[in-house]
Amino acid sequence: MRTPGDGTSSGAGRVGDAAARLGQDAAELARREVRAMQGDLVAGLREFGAGGALLGGAGVCGLLALWAAHETALRALETVMPRGRAAAVLTCVYGTGAAVLALAARDRVSAATEAAADALDKQADTLDATTAAPDGTTGA
């Protein structure tokens, strides 16, 4: 029989201290790794932010170019017809263009949806065929 204080507690204390040190070391290592990943992430976000700002600037320049093209077309039409009629003609041209592009986009989206549905059906048929039991019943 052992009595309290016969030396076994010092061994358990050393194991407990080692476990505590191991836990602290693991936590410190995890903190270092998180800090390193955080630094990499922040650097990546800065690059992304700079790219986003450049893309935004490109969008503004593109919008200004479209506005200038509109003004040029309006001024050219004003040489052959009154100002109000020239604006109406451009409005009709823009509206027609928007309608044609919207219809084309609708057709593309519809075709893509049908293609995705067909692909999913084909995949489901393939999975059904591979999971069929030898007697012809499904494996479910």
N, C-alpha and C. Protein backbone atom coordinates (compact mmCIF):
# COMPACT_ATOMS: atom_id res chain seq x y z
N MET A 1 0.81 -1.17 0.00
CA MET A 1 0.00 0.00 0.00
C MET A 1 0.86 1.24 0.00
N ARG A 2 0.41 2.19 -0.72
CA ARG A 2 1.19 3.43 -0.79
C ARG A 2 0.56 4.50 0.08
N THR A 3 1.42 5.27 0.61
CA THR A 3 0.92 6.37 1.44
C THR A 3 1.17 7.68 0.70
N PRO A 4 0.39 8.69 1.00
CA PRO A 4 0.60 9.97 0.33
C PRO A 4 1.99 10.48 0.61
N GLY A 5 2.64 10.99 -0.44
CA GLY A 5 3.95 11.60 -0.30
C GLY A 5 5.09 10.64 -0.42
N ASP A 6 4.88 9.39 -0.89
CA ASP A 6 5.98 8.44 -0.98
C ASP A 6 6.74 8.55 -2.30
N GLY A 7 6.61 9.66 -3.04
CA GLY A 7 7.44 9.86 -4.23
C GLY A 7 6.69 9.69 -5.53
N THR A 8 5.51 9.09 -5.51
CA THR A 8 4.79 8.88 -6.76
C THR A 8 4.20 10.18 -7.29
N SER A 9 3.88 11.11 -6.41
CA SER A 9 3.27 12.36 -6.85
C SER A 9 4.28 13.21 -7.60
N SER A 10 5.55 13.10 -7.29
CA SER A 10 6.54 13.90 -8.01
C SER A 10 6.66 13.42 -9.45
N GLY A 11 6.51 12.11 -9.70
CA GLY A 11 6.52 11.59 -11.08
C GLY A 11 5.30 12.06 -11.84
N ALA A 12 4.14 12.02 -11.20
CA ALA A 12 2.92 12.49 -11.83
C ALA A 12 3.01 13.99 -12.07
N GLY A 13 3.65 14.70 -11.16
CA GLY A 13 3.82 16.15 -11.32
C GLY A 13 4.70 16.46 -12.53
N ARG A 14 5.77 15.65 -12.72
CA ARG A 14 6.64 15.86 -13.88
C ARG A 14 5.90 15.59 -15.18
N VAL A 15 5.07 14.56 -15.20
CA VAL A 15 4.29 14.24 -16.39
C VAL A 15 3.28 15.36 -16.66
N GLY A 16 2.66 15.84 -15.60
CA GLY A 16 1.71 16.94 -15.74
C GLY A 16 2.39 18.20 -16.26
N ASP A 17 3.59 18.49 -15.72
CA ASP A 17 4.34 19.66 -16.19
C ASP A 17 4.74 19.51 -17.66
N ALA A 18 5.16 18.31 -18.03
CA ALA A 18 5.56 18.07 -19.42
C ALA A 18 4.34 18.22 -20.35
N ALA A 19 3.21 17.71 -19.91
CA ALA A 19 1.99 17.84 -20.72
C ALA A 19 1.59 19.30 -20.85
N ALA A 20 1.71 20.05 -19.76
CA ALA A 20 1.38 21.48 -19.81
C ALA A 20 2.33 22.22 -20.74
N ARG A 21 3.64 21.91 -20.66
CA ARG A 21 4.61 22.54 -21.55
C ARG A 21 4.34 22.18 -23.00
N LEU A 22 3.99 20.92 -23.25
CA LEU A 22 3.67 20.48 -24.60
C LEU A 22 2.45 21.22 -25.13
N GLY A 23 1.44 21.38 -24.28
CA GLY A 23 0.25 22.13 -24.68
C GLY A 23 0.58 23.58 -24.99
N GLN A 24 1.43 24.19 -24.14
CA GLN A 24 1.83 25.58 -24.38
C GLN A 24 2.63 25.72 -25.67
N ASP A 25 3.55 24.78 -25.89
CA ASP A 25 4.35 24.82 -27.12
C ASP A 25 3.47 24.64 -28.35
N ALA A 26 2.52 23.73 -28.28
CA ALA A 26 1.61 23.51 -29.41
C ALA A 26 0.76 24.75 -29.66
N ALA A 27 0.29 25.38 -28.59
CA ALA A 27 -0.51 26.59 -28.74
C ALA A 27 0.32 27.71 -29.36
N GLU A 28 1.56 27.86 -28.91
CA GLU A 28 2.44 28.90 -29.48
C GLU A 28 2.72 28.63 -30.95
N LEU A 29 2.96 27.38 -31.29
CA LEU A 29 3.18 27.02 -32.69
C LEU A 29 1.94 27.34 -33.53
N ALA A 30 0.78 27.02 -33.00
CA ALA A 30 -0.46 27.32 -33.72
C ALA A 30 -0.63 28.83 -33.89
N ARG A 31 -0.30 29.61 -32.84
CA ARG A 31 -0.40 31.07 -32.95
C ARG A 31 0.54 31.60 -34.03
N ARG A 32 1.76 31.08 -34.07
CA ARG A 32 2.72 31.51 -35.11
C ARG A 32 2.21 31.20 -36.50
N GLU A 33 1.66 30.00 -36.66
CA GLU A 33 1.13 29.61 -37.97
C GLU A 33 -0.04 30.51 -38.38
N VAL A 34 -0.91 30.81 -37.43
CA VAL A 34 -2.06 31.68 -37.71
C VAL A 34 -1.57 33.07 -38.09
N ARG A 35 -0.58 33.59 -37.37
CA ARG A 35 -0.03 34.91 -37.71
C ARG A 35 0.59 34.90 -39.11
N ALA A 36 1.30 33.84 -39.46
CA ALA A 36 1.90 33.75 -40.79
C ALA A 36 0.82 33.71 -41.87
N MET A 37 -0.22 32.91 -41.63
CA MET A 37 -1.31 32.84 -42.61
C MET A 37 -2.04 34.17 -42.70
N GLN A 38 -2.19 34.83 -41.56
CA GLN A 38 -2.86 36.12 -41.55
C GLN A 38 -2.07 37.13 -42.37
N GLY A 39 -0.75 37.13 -42.24
CA GLY A 39 0.09 38.02 -43.03
C GLY A 39 -0.04 37.75 -44.52
N ASP A 40 -0.04 36.47 -44.89
CA ASP A 40 -0.19 36.11 -46.30
C ASP A 40 -1.55 36.54 -46.83
N LEU A 41 -2.58 36.35 -46.02
CA LEU A 41 -3.93 36.72 -46.42
C LEU A 41 -4.05 38.22 -46.60
N VAL A 42 -3.50 38.99 -45.67
CA VAL A 42 -3.56 40.45 -45.77
C VAL A 42 -2.81 40.92 -47.02
N ALA A 43 -1.66 40.33 -47.30
CA ALA A 43 -0.92 40.71 -48.51
C ALA A 43 -1.73 40.40 -49.77
N GLY A 44 -2.37 39.24 -49.78
CA GLY A 44 -3.21 38.88 -50.93
C GLY A 44 -4.39 39.81 -51.09
N LEU A 45 -5.01 40.18 -49.97
CA LEU A 45 -6.13 41.12 -50.04
C LEU A 45 -5.70 42.49 -50.51
N ARG A 46 -4.51 42.91 -50.13
CA ARG A 46 -4.00 44.21 -50.63
C ARG A 46 -3.83 44.17 -52.14
N GLU A 47 -3.27 43.08 -52.65
CA GLU A 47 -3.12 42.95 -54.10
C GLU A 47 -4.48 42.92 -54.78
N PHE A 48 -5.43 42.18 -54.19
CA PHE A 48 -6.77 42.11 -54.74
C PHE A 48 -7.42 43.48 -54.72
N GLY A 49 -7.23 44.22 -53.63
CA GLY A 49 -7.79 45.56 -53.52
C GLY A 49 -7.22 46.49 -54.59
N ALA A 50 -5.92 46.39 -54.83
CA ALA A 50 -5.31 47.22 -55.87
C ALA A 50 -5.86 46.82 -57.24
N GLY A 51 -6.01 45.53 -57.48
CA GLY A 51 -6.58 45.07 -58.74
C GLY A 51 -8.02 45.52 -58.90
N GLY A 52 -8.79 45.47 -57.81
CA GLY A 52 -10.17 45.93 -57.84
C GLY A 52 -10.27 47.41 -58.14
N ALA A 53 -9.37 48.19 -57.55
CA ALA A 53 -9.36 49.63 -57.81
C ALA A 53 -9.02 49.90 -59.28
N LEU A 54 -8.06 49.16 -59.81
CA LEU A 54 -7.71 49.32 -61.23
C LEU A 54 -8.88 48.93 -62.13
N LEU A 55 -9.55 47.84 -61.77
CA LEU A 55 -10.71 47.41 -62.55
C LEU A 55 -11.83 48.44 -62.47
N GLY A 56 -12.05 49.02 -61.31
CA GLY A 56 -13.03 50.09 -61.17
C GLY A 56 -12.69 51.29 -62.02
N GLY A 57 -11.41 51.66 -62.04
CA GLY A 57 -10.96 52.77 -62.89
C GLY A 57 -11.18 52.46 -64.36
N ALA A 58 -10.93 51.22 -64.75
CA ALA A 58 -11.17 50.82 -66.14
C ALA A 58 -12.65 50.91 -66.48
N GLY A 59 -13.51 50.53 -65.54
CA GLY A 59 -14.95 50.63 -65.75
C GLY A 59 -15.39 52.08 -65.94
N VAL A 60 -14.85 52.97 -65.11
CA VAL A 60 -15.19 54.39 -65.24
C VAL A 60 -14.74 54.92 -66.59
N CYS A 61 -13.52 54.57 -67.00
CA CYS A 61 -13.03 55.01 -68.31
C CYS A 61 -13.89 54.46 -69.44
N GLY A 62 -14.31 53.21 -69.32
CA GLY A 62 -15.19 52.63 -70.34
C GLY A 62 -16.52 53.34 -70.41
N LEU A 63 -17.07 53.67 -69.25
CA LEU A 63 -18.34 54.41 -69.20
C LEU A 63 -18.18 55.79 -69.83
N LEU A 64 -17.09 56.46 -69.54
CA LEU A 64 -16.84 57.78 -70.16
C LEU A 64 -16.67 57.66 -71.67
N ALA A 65 -16.04 56.57 -72.12
CA ALA A 65 -15.89 56.36 -73.57
C ALA A 65 -17.25 56.14 -74.22
N LEU A 66 -18.13 55.39 -73.56
CA LEU A 66 -19.48 55.20 -74.10
C LEU A 66 -20.25 56.51 -74.14
N TRP A 67 -20.10 57.31 -73.11
CA TRP A 67 -20.77 58.60 -73.07
C TRP A 67 -20.27 59.49 -74.21
N ALA A 68 -18.96 59.50 -74.42
CA ALA A 68 -18.40 60.29 -75.51
C ALA A 68 -18.90 59.79 -76.86
N ALA A 69 -18.99 58.47 -77.03
CA ALA A 69 -19.50 57.92 -78.29
C ALA A 69 -20.96 58.32 -78.49
N HIS A 70 -21.74 58.31 -77.42
CA HIS A 70 -23.13 58.73 -77.49
C HIS A 70 -23.22 60.21 -77.91
N GLU A 71 -22.43 61.04 -77.28
CA GLU A 71 -22.44 62.46 -77.61
C GLU A 71 -22.03 62.69 -79.06
N THR A 72 -21.05 61.94 -79.53
CA THR A 72 -20.61 62.06 -80.92
C THR A 72 -21.73 61.65 -81.88
N ALA A 73 -22.39 60.54 -81.59
CA ALA A 73 -23.49 60.09 -82.44
C ALA A 73 -24.64 61.10 -82.40
N LEU A 74 -24.94 61.65 -81.24
CA LEU A 74 -26.01 62.64 -81.12
C LEU A 74 -25.68 63.90 -81.92
N ARG A 75 -24.45 64.37 -81.82
CA ARG A 75 -24.04 65.57 -82.58
C ARG A 75 -24.09 65.31 -84.09
N ALA A 76 -23.71 64.09 -84.48
CA ALA A 76 -23.75 63.77 -85.92
C ALA A 76 -25.19 63.74 -86.43
N LEU A 77 -26.10 63.17 -85.64
CA LEU A 77 -27.50 63.13 -86.04
C LEU A 77 -28.13 64.52 -86.04
N GLU A 78 -27.69 65.38 -85.14
CA GLU A 78 -28.23 66.73 -85.07
C GLU A 78 -27.92 67.56 -86.31
N THR A 79 -26.93 67.13 -87.08
CA THR A 79 -26.63 67.88 -88.31
C THR A 79 -27.65 67.61 -89.39
N VAL A 80 -28.38 66.48 -89.30
CA VAL A 80 -29.36 66.13 -90.34
C VAL A 80 -30.80 66.16 -89.85
N MET A 81 -31.04 66.31 -88.55
CA MET A 81 -32.41 66.36 -88.03
C MET A 81 -32.43 67.21 -86.76
N PRO A 82 -33.62 67.62 -86.33
CA PRO A 82 -33.71 68.43 -85.11
C PRO A 82 -33.20 67.64 -83.89
N ARG A 83 -32.79 68.40 -82.88
CA ARG A 83 -32.17 67.81 -81.69
C ARG A 83 -33.09 66.79 -81.01
N GLY A 84 -34.35 67.09 -80.82
CA GLY A 84 -35.29 66.18 -80.16
C GLY A 84 -35.45 64.88 -80.93
N ARG A 85 -35.55 65.00 -82.25
CA ARG A 85 -35.70 63.79 -83.07
C ARG A 85 -34.42 62.95 -83.04
N ALA A 86 -33.26 63.60 -83.03
CA ALA A 86 -31.99 62.87 -82.96
C ALA A 86 -31.90 62.08 -81.65
N ALA A 87 -32.31 62.70 -80.55
CA ALA A 87 -32.30 62.01 -79.25
C ALA A 87 -33.28 60.85 -79.26
N ALA A 88 -34.46 61.04 -79.89
CA ALA A 88 -35.45 59.96 -79.97
C ALA A 88 -34.92 58.79 -80.80
N VAL A 89 -34.25 59.09 -81.90
CA VAL A 89 -33.69 58.04 -82.75
C VAL A 89 -32.65 57.24 -81.97
N LEU A 90 -31.77 57.94 -81.26
CA LEU A 90 -30.76 57.22 -80.47
C LEU A 90 -31.40 56.39 -79.36
N THR A 91 -32.45 56.91 -78.74
CA THR A 91 -33.16 56.16 -77.71
C THR A 91 -33.74 54.88 -78.28
N CYS A 92 -34.34 54.97 -79.47
CA CYS A 92 -34.90 53.77 -80.12
C CYS A 92 -33.80 52.78 -80.47
N VAL A 93 -32.68 53.28 -80.96
CA VAL A 93 -31.56 52.39 -81.30
C VAL A 93 -31.05 51.68 -80.05
N TYR A 94 -30.88 52.43 -78.96
CA TYR A 94 -30.40 51.82 -77.71
C TYR A 94 -31.41 50.83 -77.17
N GLY A 95 -32.68 51.17 -77.20
CA GLY A 95 -33.73 50.26 -76.71
C GLY A 95 -33.78 48.98 -77.52
N THR A 96 -33.67 49.11 -78.85
CA THR A 96 -33.67 47.92 -79.71
C THR A 96 -32.45 47.05 -79.41
N GLY A 97 -31.30 47.69 -79.26
CA GLY A 97 -30.09 46.93 -78.92
C GLY A 97 -30.23 46.20 -77.60
N ALA A 98 -30.80 46.87 -76.61
CA ALA A 98 -30.99 46.25 -75.30
C ALA A 98 -31.95 45.06 -75.39
N ALA A 99 -33.01 45.21 -76.17
CA ALA A 99 -33.98 44.11 -76.32
C ALA A 99 -33.35 42.92 -77.02
N VAL A 100 -32.59 43.17 -78.08
CA VAL A 100 -31.93 42.08 -78.82
C VAL A 100 -30.93 41.36 -77.91
N LEU A 101 -30.14 42.12 -77.17
CA LEU A 101 -29.17 41.50 -76.26
C LEU A 101 -29.86 40.71 -75.15
N ALA A 102 -30.97 41.23 -74.63
CA ALA A 102 -31.71 40.52 -73.57
C ALA A 102 -32.28 39.21 -74.11
N LEU A 103 -32.81 39.23 -75.32
CA LEU A 103 -33.35 37.99 -75.90
C LEU A 103 -32.24 36.97 -76.15
N ALA A 104 -31.10 37.45 -76.64
CA ALA A 104 -29.97 36.54 -76.87
C ALA A 104 -29.49 35.95 -75.54
N ALA A 105 -29.44 36.78 -74.50
CA ALA A 105 -29.01 36.30 -73.18
C ALA A 105 -30.00 35.28 -72.64
N ARG A 106 -31.29 35.53 -72.83
CA ARG A 106 -32.31 34.59 -72.36
C ARG A 106 -32.15 33.24 -73.05
N ASP A 107 -31.90 33.27 -74.37
CA ASP A 107 -31.71 32.02 -75.10
C ASP A 107 -30.48 31.27 -74.62
N ARG A 108 -29.39 32.00 -74.37
CA ARG A 108 -28.16 31.36 -73.89
C ARG A 108 -28.36 30.74 -72.51
N VAL A 109 -29.00 31.47 -71.62
CA VAL A 109 -29.23 30.97 -70.27
C VAL A 109 -30.15 29.75 -70.32
N SER A 110 -31.16 29.80 -71.15
CA SER A 110 -32.07 28.66 -71.29
C SER A 110 -31.32 27.44 -71.82
N ALA A 111 -30.48 27.64 -72.82
CA ALA A 111 -29.70 26.52 -73.38
C ALA A 111 -28.74 25.96 -72.33
N ALA A 112 -28.12 26.83 -71.56
CA ALA A 112 -27.20 26.36 -70.52
C ALA A 112 -27.94 25.58 -69.44
N THR A 113 -29.13 26.04 -69.09
CA THR A 113 -29.94 25.33 -68.09
C THR A 113 -30.33 23.95 -68.59
N GLU A 114 -30.74 23.87 -69.84
CA GLU A 114 -31.11 22.57 -70.41
C GLU A 114 -29.91 21.64 -70.49
N ALA A 115 -28.75 22.18 -70.87
CA ALA A 115 -27.54 21.35 -70.94
C ALA A 115 -27.17 20.82 -69.56
N ALA A 116 -27.27 21.67 -68.54
CA ALA A 116 -26.95 21.23 -67.18
C ALA A 116 -27.93 20.16 -66.72
N ALA A 117 -29.22 20.35 -67.02
CA ALA A 117 -30.22 19.34 -66.63
C ALA A 117 -29.97 18.02 -67.34
N ASP A 118 -29.63 18.08 -68.64
CA ASP A 118 -29.32 16.86 -69.38
C ASP A 118 -28.11 16.15 -68.80
N ALA A 119 -27.08 16.93 -68.45
CA ALA A 119 -25.87 16.33 -67.87
C ALA A 119 -26.18 15.67 -66.54
N LEU A 120 -27.01 16.30 -65.72
CA LEU A 120 -27.39 15.71 -64.44
C LEU A 120 -28.21 14.44 -64.63
N ASP A 121 -29.13 14.46 -65.60
CA ASP A 121 -29.91 13.26 -65.89
C ASP A 121 -29.01 12.11 -66.35
N LYS A 122 -28.06 12.44 -67.21
CA LYS A 122 -27.14 11.42 -67.72
C LYS A 122 -26.30 10.85 -66.57
N GLN A 123 -25.85 11.72 -65.68
CA GLN A 123 -25.05 11.26 -64.53
C GLN A 123 -25.90 10.38 -63.62
N ALA A 124 -27.15 10.77 -63.42
CA ALA A 124 -28.05 9.97 -62.57
C ALA A 124 -28.28 8.60 -63.20
N ASP A 125 -28.47 8.56 -64.53
CA ASP A 125 -28.65 7.27 -65.21
C ASP A 125 -27.40 6.40 -65.07
N THR A 126 -26.23 7.03 -65.18
CA THR A 126 -24.97 6.29 -65.04
C THR A 126 -24.85 5.72 -63.63
N LEU A 127 -25.18 6.52 -62.63
CA LEU A 127 -25.11 6.04 -61.25
C LEU A 127 -26.12 4.93 -61.00
N ASP A 128 -27.31 5.05 -61.57
CA ASP A 128 -28.31 3.99 -61.42
C ASP A 128 -27.82 2.70 -62.04
N ALA A 129 -27.18 2.80 -63.21
CA ALA A 129 -26.69 1.61 -63.90
C ALA A 129 -25.56 0.95 -63.12
N THR A 130 -24.71 1.73 -62.49
CA THR A 130 -23.58 1.14 -61.76
C THR A 130 -23.99 0.59 -60.41
N THR A 131 -25.10 1.06 -59.86
CA THR A 131 -25.53 0.55 -58.56
C THR A 131 -26.59 -0.54 -58.67
N ALA A 132 -26.92 -0.94 -59.89
CA ALA A 132 -27.92 -2.01 -60.07
C ALA A 132 -27.32 -3.34 -59.62
N ALA A 133 -28.14 -4.13 -58.94
CA ALA A 133 -27.73 -5.44 -58.48
C ALA A 133 -27.71 -6.41 -59.65
N PRO A 134 -27.01 -7.55 -59.55
CA PRO A 134 -26.95 -8.50 -60.66
C PRO A 134 -28.34 -9.03 -61.09
N ASP A 135 -29.30 -9.07 -60.16
CA ASP A 135 -30.62 -9.60 -60.53
C ASP A 135 -31.51 -8.55 -61.18
N GLY A 136 -30.94 -7.32 -61.43
CA GLY A 136 -31.69 -6.29 -62.15
C GLY A 136 -32.34 -5.28 -61.25
N THR A 137 -32.36 -5.53 -59.94
CA THR A 137 -32.94 -4.57 -59.01
C THR A 137 -31.87 -3.58 -58.60
N THR A 138 -32.30 -2.44 -58.12
CA THR A 138 -31.34 -1.45 -57.65
C THR A 138 -30.74 -1.89 -56.34
N GLY A 139 -29.54 -1.40 -56.09
CA GLY A 139 -28.83 -1.79 -54.87
C GLY A 139 -29.29 -1.09 -53.63
N ALA A 140 -30.26 -0.19 -53.73
CA ALA A 140 -30.69 0.60 -52.58
C ALA A 140 -31.51 -0.20 -51.60
